[in-house]
PDB file of N, CA and C in Angstrom:
ATOM      1  N   MET A   1      -0.297  10.689  18.036  1.00  0.00           N
ATOM      2  CA  MET A   1       0.756  11.153  17.239  1.00  0.00           C
ATOM      3  C   MET A   1       1.924  11.711  18.037  1.00  0.00           C
ATOM      4  N   ASP A   2       3.079  11.530  17.546  1.00  0.00           N
ATOM      5  CA  ASP A   2       4.232  12.095  18.225  1.00  0.00           C
ATOM      6  C   ASP A   2       4.965  13.024  17.245  1.00  0.00           C
ATOM      7  N   LYS A   3       6.079  13.650  17.735  1.00  0.00           N
ATOM      8  CA  LYS A   3       6.761  14.579  16.939  1.00  0.00           C
ATOM      9  C   LYS A   3       7.465  13.989  15.605  1.00  0.00           C
ATOM     10  N   ASN A   4       7.472  12.679  15.491  1.00  0.00           N
ATOM     11  CA  ASN A   4       8.010  12.103  14.259  1.00  0.00           C
ATOM     12  C   ASN A   4       6.854  11.921  13.259  1.00  0.00           C
ATOM     13  N   SER A   5       5.653  12.329  13.596  1.00  0.00           N
ATOM     14  CA  SER A   5       4.509  12.200  12.709  1.00  0.00           C
ATOM     15  C   SER A   5       4.571  13.278  11.611  1.00  0.00           C
ATOM     16  N   PHE A   6       3.903  13.032  10.502  1.00  0.00           N
ATOM     17  CA  PHE A   6       3.685  14.017   9.456  1.00  0.00           C
ATOM     18  C   PHE A   6       2.287  13.908   8.965  1.00  0.00           C
ATOM     19  N   VAL A   7       1.634  15.000   8.790  1.00  0.00           N
ATOM     20  CA  VAL A   7       0.226  15.122   8.367  1.00  0.00           C
ATOM     21  C   VAL A   7       0.084  15.851   7.123  1.00  0.00           C
ATOM     22  N   TYR A   8      -0.554  15.184   6.133  1.00  0.00           N
ATOM     23  CA  TYR A   8      -0.942  15.879   4.874  1.00  0.00           C
ATOM     24  C   TYR A   8      -2.454  16.142   4.883  1.00  0.00           C
ATOM     25  N   LEU A   9      -2.808  17.333   4.631  1.00  0.00           N
ATOM     26  CA  LEU A   9      -4.256  17.731   4.639  1.00  0.00           C
ATOM     27  C   LEU A   9      -4.697  18.246   3.230  1.00  0.00           C
ATOM     28  N   ASP A  10      -5.786  17.623   2.699  1.00  0.00           N
ATOM     29  CA  ASP A  10      -6.275  18.029   1.400  1.00  0.00           C
ATOM     30  C   ASP A  10      -7.836  18.322   1.551  1.00  0.00           C
ATOM     31  N   PRO A  11      -8.198  19.405   2.211  1.00  0.00           N
ATOM     32  CA  PRO A  11      -9.606  19.676   2.419  1.00  0.00           C
ATOM     33  C   PRO A  11     -10.311  20.077   1.149  1.00  0.00           C
ATOM     34  N   PRO A  12     -11.615  20.194   1.169  1.00  0.00           N
ATOM     35  CA  PRO A  12     -12.330  20.880   0.088  1.00  0.00           C
ATOM     36  C   PRO A  12     -11.820  22.319  -0.045  1.00  0.00           C
ATOM     37  N   TYR A  13     -11.405  22.725  -1.165  1.00  0.00           N
ATOM     38  CA  TYR A  13     -10.699  24.032  -1.372  1.00  0.00           C
ATOM     39  C   TYR A  13     -11.773  25.107  -1.160  1.00  0.00           C
ATOM     40  N   HIS A  14     -11.252  26.158  -0.604  1.00  0.00           N
ATOM     41  CA  HIS A  14     -12.073  27.396  -0.396  1.00  0.00           C
ATOM     42  C   HIS A  14     -12.353  27.967  -1.775  1.00  0.00           C
ATOM     43  N   PRO A  15     -13.589  28.363  -2.005  1.00  0.00           N
ATOM     44  CA  PRO A  15     -13.900  28.935  -3.345  1.00  0.00           C
ATOM     45  C   PRO A  15     -13.175  30.256  -3.652  1.00  0.00           C
ATOM     46  N   ILE A  16     -12.666  30.357  -4.883  1.00  0.00           N
ATOM     47  CA  ILE A  16     -12.102  31.623  -5.258  1.00  0.00           C
ATOM     48  C   ILE A  16     -13.098  32.569  -5.845  1.00  0.00           C
ATOM     49  N   SER A  17     -14.324  32.106  -6.129  1.00  0.00           N
ATOM     50  CA  SER A  17     -15.380  32.886  -6.686  1.00  0.00           C
ATOM     51  C   SER A  17     -16.723  32.238  -6.288  1.00  0.00           C
ATOM     52  N   GLU A  18     -17.768  33.004  -6.331  1.00  0.00           N
ATOM     53  CA  GLU A  18     -19.083  32.480  -5.944  1.00  0.00           C
ATOM     54  C   GLU A  18     -19.502  31.324  -6.831  1.00  0.00           C
ATOM     55  N   SER A  19     -19.085  31.334  -8.121  1.00  0.00           N
ATOM     56  CA  SER A  19     -19.467  30.214  -9.042  1.00  0.00           C
ATOM     57  C   SER A  19     -18.605  29.033  -8.876  1.00  0.00           C
ATOM     58  N   ALA A  20     -17.495  29.142  -8.111  1.00  0.00           N
ATOM     59  CA  ALA A  20     -16.586  28.006  -7.877  1.00  0.00           C
ATOM     60  C   ALA A  20     -16.816  27.380  -6.549  1.00  0.00           C
ATOM     61  N   ASN A  21     -18.010  27.406  -6.061  1.00  0.00           N
ATOM     62  CA  ASN A  21     -18.193  27.009  -4.643  1.00  0.00           C
ATOM     63  C   ASN A  21     -18.672  25.551  -4.581  1.00  0.00           C
ATOM     64  N   PHE A  22     -17.763  24.655  -4.960  1.00  0.00           N
ATOM     65  CA  PHE A  22     -18.016  23.189  -4.880  1.00  0.00           C
ATOM     66  C   PHE A  22     -17.726  22.770  -3.402  1.00  0.00           C
ATOM     67  N   THR A  23     -18.752  22.207  -2.771  1.00  0.00           N
ATOM     68  CA  THR A  23     -18.577  21.766  -1.392  1.00  0.00           C
ATOM     69  C   THR A  23     -19.087  20.409  -1.195  1.00  0.00           C
ATOM     70  N   GLY A  24     -19.191  19.614  -2.230  1.00  0.00           N
ATOM     71  CA  GLY A  24     -19.866  18.363  -2.232  1.00  0.00           C
ATOM     72  C   GLY A  24     -19.171  17.205  -1.572  1.00  0.00           C
ATOM     73  N   TYR A  25     -17.969  17.417  -0.924  1.00  0.00           N
ATOM     74  CA  TYR A  25     -17.328  16.324  -0.315  1.00  0.00           C
ATOM     75  C   TYR A  25     -18.086  15.769   0.949  1.00  0.00           C
ATOM     76  N   VAL A  26     -18.773  16.604   1.570  1.00  0.00           N
ATOM     77  CA  VAL A  26     -19.424  16.217   2.836  1.00  0.00           C
ATOM     78  C   VAL A  26     -20.892  16.754   2.797  1.00  0.00           C
ATOM     79  N   GLN A  27     -21.707  15.935   3.496  1.00  0.00           N
ATOM     80  CA  GLN A  27     -23.130  16.398   3.616  1.00  0.00           C
ATOM     81  C   GLN A  27     -23.222  17.620   4.337  1.00  0.00           C
ATOM     82  N   GLY A  28     -23.895  18.607   3.842  1.00  0.00           N
ATOM     83  CA  GLY A  28     -24.034  19.889   4.527  1.00  0.00           C
ATOM     84  C   GLY A  28     -22.957  20.909   4.030  1.00  0.00           C
ATOM     85  N   GLY A  29     -22.062  20.391   3.210  1.00  0.00           N
ATOM     86  CA  GLY A  29     -21.102  21.342   2.597  1.00  0.00           C
ATOM     87  C   GLY A  29     -19.864  21.565   3.487  1.00  0.00           C
ATOM     88  N   TRP A  30     -18.996  22.405   3.049  1.00  0.00           N
ATOM     89  CA  TRP A  30     -17.789  22.792   3.749  1.00  0.00           C
ATOM     90  C   TRP A  30     -17.629  24.215   3.609  1.00  0.00           C
ATOM     91  N   ASN A  31     -17.655  24.987   4.691  1.00  0.00           N
ATOM     92  CA  ASN A  31     -17.700  26.443   4.609  1.00  0.00           C
ATOM     93  C   ASN A  31     -16.494  27.072   5.255  1.00  0.00           C
ATOM     94  N   MET A  32     -16.493  28.416   5.396  1.00  0.00           N
ATOM     95  CA  MET A  32     -15.370  29.175   5.952  1.00  0.00           C
ATOM     96  C   MET A  32     -15.138  28.823   7.408  1.00  0.00           C
ATOM     97  N   PHE A  33     -16.204  28.459   8.135  1.00  0.00           N
ATOM     98  CA  PHE A  33     -16.013  28.131   9.527  1.00  0.00           C
ATOM     99  C   PHE A  33     -15.277  26.811   9.568  1.00  0.00           C
ATOM    100  N   ASP A  34     -15.497  25.847   8.685  1.00  0.00           N
ATOM    101  CA  ASP A  34     -14.755  24.579   8.644  1.00  0.00           C
ATOM    102  C   ASP A  34     -13.311  24.913   8.319  1.00  0.00           C
ATOM    103  N   GLN A  35     -13.014  25.844   7.405  1.00  0.00           N
ATOM    104  CA  GLN A  35     -11.720  26.307   7.144  1.00  0.00           C
ATOM    105  C   GLN A  35     -10.973  26.850   8.331  1.00  0.00           C
ATOM    106  N   VAL A  36     -11.696  27.599   9.170  1.00  0.00           N
ATOM    107  CA  VAL A  36     -11.059  28.214  10.297  1.00  0.00           C
ATOM    108  C   VAL A  36     -10.778  27.091  11.308  1.00  0.00           C
ATOM    109  N   ARG A  37     -11.709  26.129  11.502  1.00  0.00           N
ATOM    110  CA  ARG A  37     -11.478  25.040  12.418  1.00  0.00           C
ATOM    111  C   ARG A  37     -10.316  24.185  11.976  1.00  0.00           C
ATOM    112  N   LEU A  38     -10.153  23.982  10.663  1.00  0.00           N
ATOM    113  CA  LEU A  38      -8.947  23.269  10.107  1.00  0.00           C
ATOM    114  C   LEU A  38      -7.669  24.047  10.421  1.00  0.00           C
ATOM    115  N   ARG A  39      -7.633  25.377  10.323  1.00  0.00           N
ATOM    116  CA  ARG A  39      -6.533  26.118  10.592  1.00  0.00           C
ATOM    117  C   ARG A  39      -6.191  26.023  12.145  1.00  0.00           C
ATOM    118  N   GLU A  40      -7.150  26.050  12.984  1.00  0.00           N
ATOM    119  CA  GLU A  40      -7.065  25.828  14.407  1.00  0.00           C
ATOM    120  C   GLU A  40      -6.406  24.428  14.717  1.00  0.00           C
ATOM    121  N   ALA A  41      -6.797  23.385  13.976  1.00  0.00           N
ATOM    122  CA  ALA A  41      -6.216  22.068  14.056  1.00  0.00           C
ATOM    123  C   ALA A  41      -4.758  22.124  13.659  1.00  0.00           C
ATOM    124  N   CYS A  42      -4.423  22.878  12.634  1.00  0.00           N
ATOM    125  CA  CYS A  42      -3.045  23.062  12.265  1.00  0.00           C
ATOM    126  C   CYS A  42      -2.206  23.756  13.291  1.00  0.00           C
ATOM    127  N   ASP A  43      -2.842  24.750  13.912  1.00  0.00           N
ATOM    128  CA  ASP A  43      -2.125  25.488  15.035  1.00  0.00           C
ATOM    129  C   ASP A  43      -1.868  24.454  16.155  1.00  0.00           C
ATOM    130  N   ASP A  44      -2.758  23.555  16.385  1.00  0.00           N
ATOM    131  CA  ASP A  44      -2.593  22.513  17.474  1.00  0.00           C
ATOM    132  C   ASP A  44      -1.432  21.581  17.124  1.00  0.00           C
ATOM    133  N   LEU A  45      -1.428  21.163  15.850  1.00  0.00           N
ATOM    134  CA  LEU A  45      -0.321  20.327  15.383  1.00  0.00           C
ATOM    135  C   LEU A  45       0.991  20.968  15.582  1.00  0.00           C
ATOM    136  N   THR A  46       1.025  22.281  15.254  1.00  0.00           N
ATOM    137  CA  THR A  46       2.344  23.019  15.346  1.00  0.00           C
ATOM    138  C   THR A  46       2.739  23.114  16.808  1.00  0.00           C
ATOM    139  N   LYS A  47       1.807  23.342  17.720  1.00  0.00           N
ATOM    140  CA  LYS A  47       2.073  23.458  19.196  1.00  0.00           C
ATOM    141  C   LYS A  47       2.645  22.111  19.649  1.00  0.00           C
ATOM    142  N   ARG A  48       2.183  21.032  19.073  1.00  0.00           N
ATOM    143  CA  ARG A  48       2.603  19.694  19.488  1.00  0.00           C
ATOM    144  C   ARG A  48       3.881  19.256  18.761  1.00  0.00           C
ATOM    145  N   GLY A  49       4.423  20.154  17.910  1.00  0.00           N
ATOM    146  CA  GLY A  49       5.655  19.818  17.239  1.00  0.00           C
ATOM    147  C   GLY A  49       5.534  18.814  16.086  1.00  0.00           C
ATOM    148  N   ILE A  50       4.313  18.705  15.549  1.00  0.00           N
ATOM    149  CA  ILE A  50       3.996  17.751  14.448  1.00  0.00           C
ATOM    150  C   ILE A  50       3.983  18.561  13.175  1.00  0.00           C
ATOM    151  N   LYS A  51       4.772  18.089  12.191  1.00  0.00           N
ATOM    152  CA  LYS A  51       4.836  18.746  10.860  1.00  0.00           C
ATOM    153  C   LYS A  51       3.603  18.461  10.074  1.00  0.00           C
ATOM    154  N   PHE A  52       3.135  19.507   9.308  1.00  0.00           N
ATOM    155  CA  PHE A  52       2.029  19.292   8.371  1.00  0.00           C
ATOM    156  C   PHE A  52       2.247  20.016   7.054  1.00  0.00           C
ATOM    157  N   LEU A  53       1.566  19.441   6.014  1.00  0.00           N
ATOM    158  CA  LEU A  53       1.511  20.087   4.768  1.00  0.00           C
ATOM    159  C   LEU A  53       0.097  20.061   4.254  1.00  0.00           C
ATOM    160  N   LEU A  54      -0.426  21.256   3.867  1.00  0.00           N
ATOM    161  CA  LEU A  54      -1.780  21.413   3.519  1.00  0.00           C
ATOM    162  C   LEU A  54      -1.909  22.060   2.151  1.00  0.00           C
ATOM    163  N   SER A  55      -2.817  21.529   1.330  1.00  0.00           N
ATOM    164  CA  SER A  55      -3.117  22.199  -0.003  1.00  0.00           C
ATOM    165  C   SER A  55      -4.469  22.895   0.122  1.00  0.00           C
ATOM    166  N   ASN A  56      -4.552  23.972  -0.698  1.00  0.00           N
ATOM    167  CA  ASN A  56      -5.846  24.643  -0.715  1.00  0.00           C
ATOM    168  C   ASN A  56      -5.770  25.609  -1.874  1.00  0.00           C
ATOM    169  N   SER A  57      -6.930  26.349  -2.089  1.00  0.00           N
ATOM    170  CA  SER A  57      -6.993  27.360  -3.117  1.00  0.00           C
ATOM    171  C   SER A  57      -6.111  28.575  -2.751  1.00  0.00           C
ATOM    172  N   ALA A  58      -5.750  29.343  -3.688  1.00  0.00           N
ATOM    173  CA  ALA A  58      -4.924  30.598  -3.372  1.00  0.00           C
ATOM    174  C   ALA A  58      -5.791  31.768  -3.115  1.00  0.00           C
ATOM    175  N   SER A  59      -6.894  31.518  -2.428  1.00  0.00           N
ATOM    176  CA  SER A  59      -7.803  32.588  -2.072  1.00  0.00           C
ATOM    177  C   SER A  59      -7.236  33.556  -0.995  1.00  0.00           C
ATOM    178  N   SER A  60      -7.631  34.745  -1.018  1.00  0.00           N
ATOM    179  CA  SER A  60      -7.197  35.725  -0.013  1.00  0.00           C
ATOM    180  C   SER A  60      -7.500  35.229   1.436  1.00  0.00           C
ATOM    181  N   PHE A  61      -8.662  34.607   1.591  1.00  0.00           N
ATOM    182  CA  PHE A  61      -9.141  34.121   2.862  1.00  0.00           C
ATOM    183  C   PHE A  61      -8.122  33.093   3.459  1.00  0.00           C
ATOM    184  N   ILE A  62      -7.811  32.103   2.602  1.00  0.00           N
ATOM    185  CA  ILE A  62      -6.894  31.103   2.978  1.00  0.00           C
ATOM    186  C   ILE A  62      -5.425  31.630   3.332  1.00  0.00           C
ATOM    187  N   LYS A  63      -5.046  32.543   2.449  1.00  0.00           N
ATOM    188  CA  LYS A  63      -3.701  33.130   2.692  1.00  0.00           C
ATOM    189  C   LYS A  63      -3.685  33.909   4.009  1.00  0.00           C
ATOM    190  N   GLU A  64      -4.822  34.600   4.254  1.00  0.00           N
ATOM    191  CA  GLU A  64      -4.891  35.273   5.561  1.00  0.00           C
ATOM    192  C   GLU A  64      -4.885  34.337   6.745  1.00  0.00           C
ATOM    193  N   GLN A  65      -5.670  33.265   6.649  1.00  0.00           N
ATOM    194  CA  GLN A  65      -5.752  32.324   7.714  1.00  0.00           C
ATOM    195  C   GLN A  65      -4.357  31.717   8.072  1.00  0.00           C
ATOM    196  N   TYR A  66      -3.538  31.502   7.081  1.00  0.00           N
ATOM    197  CA  TYR A  66      -2.270  30.789   7.282  1.00  0.00           C
ATOM    198  C   TYR A  66      -1.106  31.697   7.124  1.00  0.00           C
ATOM    199  N   GLN A  67      -1.311  33.011   7.406  1.00  0.00           N
ATOM    200  CA  GLN A  67      -0.221  33.953   7.160  1.00  0.00           C
ATOM    201  C   GLN A  67       0.945  33.682   8.086  1.00  0.00           C
ATOM    202  N   GLU A  68       0.825  33.035   9.221  1.00  0.00           N
ATOM    203  CA  GLU A  68       1.938  32.704  10.109  1.00  0.00           C
ATOM    204  C   GLU A  68       2.757  31.533   9.655  1.00  0.00           C
ATOM    205  N   TYR A  69       2.311  30.879   8.547  1.00  0.00           N
ATOM    206  CA  TYR A  69       2.959  29.665   8.099  1.00  0.00           C
ATOM    207  C   TYR A  69       3.743  29.933   6.799  1.00  0.00           C
ATOM    208  N   ASN A  70       4.511  28.938   6.346  1.00  0.00           N
ATOM    209  CA  ASN A  70       5.205  29.033   5.024  1.00  0.00           C
ATOM    210  C   ASN A  70       4.192  28.664   3.943  1.00  0.00           C
ATOM    211  N   ILE A  71       3.984  29.599   3.039  1.00  0.00           N
ATOM    212  CA  ILE A  71       3.055  29.451   1.926  1.00  0.00           C
ATOM    213  C   ILE A  71       3.739  29.492   0.652  1.00  0.00           C
ATOM    214  N   SER A  72       3.614  28.451  -0.207  1.00  0.00           N
ATOM    215  CA  SER A  72       4.202  28.455  -1.537  1.00  0.00           C
ATOM    216  C   SER A  72       3.057  28.412  -2.571  1.00  0.00           C
ATOM    217  N   LEU A  73       3.132  29.252  -3.588  1.00  0.00           N
ATOM    218  CA  LEU A  73       2.151  29.278  -4.641  1.00  0.00           C
ATOM    219  C   LEU A  73       2.537  28.264  -5.732  1.00  0.00           C
ATOM    220  N   VAL A  74       1.637  27.392  -6.130  1.00  0.00           N
ATOM    221  CA  VAL A  74       1.843  26.453  -7.135  1.00  0.00           C
ATOM    222  C   VAL A  74       0.802  26.643  -8.250  1.00  0.00           C
ATOM    223  N   ARG A  75       1.123  26.222  -9.420  1.00  0.00           N
ATOM    224  CA  ARG A  75       0.153  26.137 -10.562  1.00  0.00           C
ATOM    225  C   ARG A  75      -0.301  24.719 -10.724  1.00  0.00           C
ATOM    226  N   ALA A  76      -1.609  24.523 -10.755  1.00  0.00           N
ATOM    227  CA  ALA A  76      -2.198  23.159 -10.886  1.00  0.00           C
ATOM    228  C   ALA A  76      -3.108  23.101 -12.137  1.00  0.00           C
ATOM    229  N   ILE A  77      -3.134  22.043 -12.814  1.00  0.00           N
ATOM    230  CA  ILE A  77      -3.980  21.841 -14.017  1.00  0.00           C
ATOM    231  C   ILE A  77      -5.291  21.251 -13.566  1.00  0.00           C
ATOM    232  N   ARG A  78      -6.318  21.798 -13.972  1.00  0.00           N
ATOM    233  CA  ARG A  78      -7.663  21.357 -13.812  1.00  0.00           C
ATOM    234  C   ARG A  78      -8.340  20.987 -15.078  1.00  0.00           C
ATOM    235  N   ALA A  79      -8.711  19.787 -15.211  1.00  0.00           N
ATOM    236  CA  ALA A  79      -9.297  19.283 -16.528  1.00  0.00           C
ATOM    237  C   ALA A  79     -10.875  19.274 -16.395  1.00  0.00           C
ATOM    238  N   ILE A  80     -11.377  19.493 -15.205  1.00  0.00           N
ATOM    239  CA  ILE A  80     -12.840  19.365 -15.031  1.00  0.00           C
ATOM    240  C   ILE A  80     -13.406  20.699 -14.581  1.00  0.00           C
ATOM    241  N   ASN A  81     -14.391  21.205 -15.334  1.00  0.00           N
ATOM    242  CA  ASN A  81     -15.086  22.460 -14.999  1.00  0.00           C
ATOM    243  C   ASN A  81     -16.308  22.416 -15.949  1.00  0.00           C
ATOM    244  N   VAL A  82     -17.393  22.877 -15.357  1.00  0.00           N
ATOM    245  CA  VAL A  82     -18.624  22.957 -16.122  1.00  0.00           C
ATOM    246  C   VAL A  82     -18.478  23.860 -17.348  1.00  0.00           C
ATOM    247  N   ASP A  83     -17.643  24.912 -17.174  1.00  0.00           N
ATOM    248  CA  ASP A  83     -17.312  25.839 -18.250  1.00  0.00           C
ATOM    249  C   ASP A  83     -15.951  25.429 -18.860  1.00  0.00           C
ATOM    250  N   ALA A  84     -15.997  24.866 -20.072  1.00  0.00           N
ATOM    251  CA  ALA A  84     -14.690  24.401 -20.728  1.00  0.00           C
ATOM    252  C   ALA A  84     -13.691  25.475 -20.834  1.00  0.00           C
ATOM    253  N   GLY A  85     -14.129  26.711 -20.977  1.00  0.00           N
ATOM    254  CA  GLY A  85     -13.203  27.785 -21.119  1.00  0.00           C
ATOM    255  C   GLY A  85     -12.453  28.114 -19.828  1.00  0.00           C
ATOM    256  N   LYS A  86     -12.888  27.594 -18.701  1.00  0.00           N
ATOM    257  CA  LYS A  86     -12.231  27.815 -17.395  1.00  0.00           C
ATOM    258  C   LYS A  86     -11.296  26.668 -16.949  1.00  0.00           C
ATOM    259  N   ARG A  87     -11.169  25.675 -17.863  1.00  0.00           N
ATOM    260  CA  ARG A  87     -10.323  24.552 -17.554  1.00  0.00           C
ATOM    261  C   ARG A  87      -8.826  24.940 -17.823  1.00  0.00           C
ATOM    262  N   GLY A  88      -7.918  24.402 -17.149  1.00  0.00           N
ATOM    263  CA  GLY A  88      -6.534  24.719 -17.394  1.00  0.00           C
ATOM    264  C   GLY A  88      -5.800  25.028 -16.035  1.00  0.00           C
ATOM    265  N   GLU A  89      -4.858  25.893 -16.027  1.00  0.00           N
ATOM    266  CA  GLU A  89      -4.011  26.087 -14.793  1.00  0.00           C
ATOM    267  C   GLU A  89      -4.710  27.026 -13.877  1.00  0.00           C
ATOM    268  N   ILE A  90      -4.635  26.732 -12.608  1.00  0.00           N
ATOM    269  CA  ILE A  90      -5.063  27.686 -11.604  1.00  0.00           C
ATOM    270  C   ILE A  90      -4.052  27.744 -10.456  1.00  0.00           C
ATOM    271  N   ASP A  91      -4.107  28.802  -9.642  1.00  0.00           N
ATOM    272  CA  ASP A  91      -3.183  28.941  -8.519  1.00  0.00           C
ATOM    273  C   ASP A  91      -3.714  28.188  -7.362  1.00  0.00           C
ATOM    274  N   GLU A  92      -2.847  27.464  -6.646  1.00  0.00           N
ATOM    275  CA  GLU A  92      -3.101  26.785  -5.418  1.00  0.00           C
ATOM    276  C   GLU A  92      -1.958  27.172  -4.434  1.00  0.00           C
ATOM    277  N   VAL A  93      -2.161  26.898  -3.125  1.00  0.00           N
ATOM    278  CA  VAL A  93      -1.185  27.062  -2.203  1.00  0.00           C
ATOM    279  C   VAL A  93      -0.833  25.760  -1.512  1.00  0.00           C
ATOM    280  N   LEU A  94       0.430  25.656  -1.196  1.00  0.00           N
ATOM    281  CA  LEU A  94       0.944  24.584  -0.296  1.00  0.00           C
ATOM    282  C   LEU A  94       1.370  25.309   1.019  1.00  0.00           C
ATOM    283  N   ILE A  95       0.815  24.872   2.137  1.00  0.00           N
ATOM    284  CA  ILE A  95       1.055  25.570   3.389  1.00  0.00           C
ATOM    285  C   ILE A  95       1.727  24.533   4.353  1.00  0.00           C
ATOM    286  N   ARG A  96       2.819  24.988   4.991  1.00  0.00           N
ATOM    287  CA  ARG A  96       3.542  24.060   5.871  1.00  0.00           C
ATOM    288  C   ARG A  96       4.018  24.785   7.045  1.00  0.00           C
ATOM    289  N   ASN A  97       4.304  23.966   8.134  1.00  0.00           N
ATOM    290  CA  ASN A  97       4.824  24.571   9.396  1.00  0.00           C
ATOM    291  C   ASN A  97       6.287  24.244   9.637  1.00  0.00           C
ATOM    292  N   TYR A  98       6.965  23.987   8.509  1.00  0.00           N
ATOM    293  CA  TYR A  98       8.423  23.608   8.612  1.00  0.00           C
ATOM    294  C   TYR A  98       9.130  24.305   7.416  1.00  0.00           C
ATOM    295  N   GLU A  99      10.499  24.308   7.528  1.00  0.00           N
ATOM    296  CA  GLU A  99      11.259  24.905   6.423  1.00  0.00           C
ATOM    297  C   GLU A  99      11.420  23.915   5.339  1.00  0.00           C
TER     298      GLU A  99
END
């Protein structure tokens, strides 16, 4: 990749509660250590001058991990949830290393 590259990242979202801990994208799950490794990869992209945009949950952990980056809060609609009462809009973040 060179400085003209652009990377979009859409990892398994960090859970915002214990009951919202869906990690089924990969065998063995996706945990906070994977989230830290992903942020470190974003740090590497930034050092190399490569722009990225990442989406994730609006959890405190994620906001702390990416506090050095531009974070925008967005509302997303979720139609799937085991509890029908919890379907609807949720907060997510878009994180980027550019203006």
